[in-house]
Amino acid sequence: MELQSGGELLFCAHHAREHGDKLRQVAVTVVDETHKLSTPAPGSQA
């Protein structure tokens, strides 16, 4: 997430879900990439 002050914060999926509502109040941009947690990276062995 990008903050209004210009800073950037990164969260694990657990904490992003836990604090998401409050984080969105101070965020300019929120990027949710939790879909990547269940999709193997290209070239990796699943």
Protein backbone atom coordinates (compact mmCIF):
# COMPACT_ATOMS: atom_id res chain seq x y z
CA MET A 1 0.00 0.00 0.00
CA GLU A 2 1.07 3.56 -0.69
CA LEU A 3 0.37 6.07 2.05
CA GLN A 4 -0.83 9.63 1.56
CA SER A 5 2.46 10.76 3.10
CA GLY A 6 4.33 9.03 0.26
CA GLY A 7 5.57 6.02 2.20
CA GLU A 8 5.00 2.42 1.25
CA LEU A 9 4.01 -0.48 3.50
CA LEU A 10 4.00 -4.19 2.71
CA PHE A 11 1.93 -6.70 4.69
CA CYS A 12 1.57 -10.44 4.79
CA ALA A 13 -1.90 -11.67 3.79
CA HIS A 14 -2.87 -12.38 7.41
CA HIS A 15 -2.15 -8.88 8.69
CA ALA A 16 -3.52 -7.19 5.58
CA ARG A 17 -6.86 -8.93 6.20
CA GLU A 18 -6.74 -8.21 9.92
CA HIS A 19 -6.09 -4.46 9.51
CA GLY A 20 -7.41 -3.87 5.98
CA ASP A 21 -10.32 -1.58 6.84
CA LYS A 22 -8.16 0.85 8.81
CA LEU A 23 -5.29 0.67 6.34
CA ARG A 24 -7.58 1.64 3.46
CA GLN A 25 -8.51 4.81 5.35
CA VAL A 26 -4.92 6.10 5.12
CA ALA A 27 -3.91 4.55 1.80
CA VAL A 28 -3.73 6.19 -1.58
CA THR A 29 -3.26 2.85 -3.33
CA VAL A 30 -3.79 -0.71 -2.13
CA VAL A 31 -2.41 -3.59 -4.19
CA ASP A 32 -3.75 -6.99 -3.20
CA GLU A 33 -1.61 -9.83 -4.53
CA THR A 34 -2.96 -12.66 -2.40
CA HIS A 35 -3.89 -14.51 -5.60
CA LYS A 36 -0.17 -15.12 -6.10
CA LEU A 37 -0.05 -17.23 -2.94
CA SER A 38 -1.91 -20.11 -4.54
CA THR A 39 -0.54 -19.82 -8.08
CA PRO A 40 2.89 -21.39 -8.71
CA ALA A 41 5.44 -19.06 -10.26
CA PRO A 42 6.23 -19.71 -13.92
CA GLY A 43 8.97 -22.31 -14.21
CA SER A 44 8.55 -23.57 -10.66
CA GLN A 45 7.70 -27.15 -9.86
CA ALA A 46 4.33 -27.51 -8.15
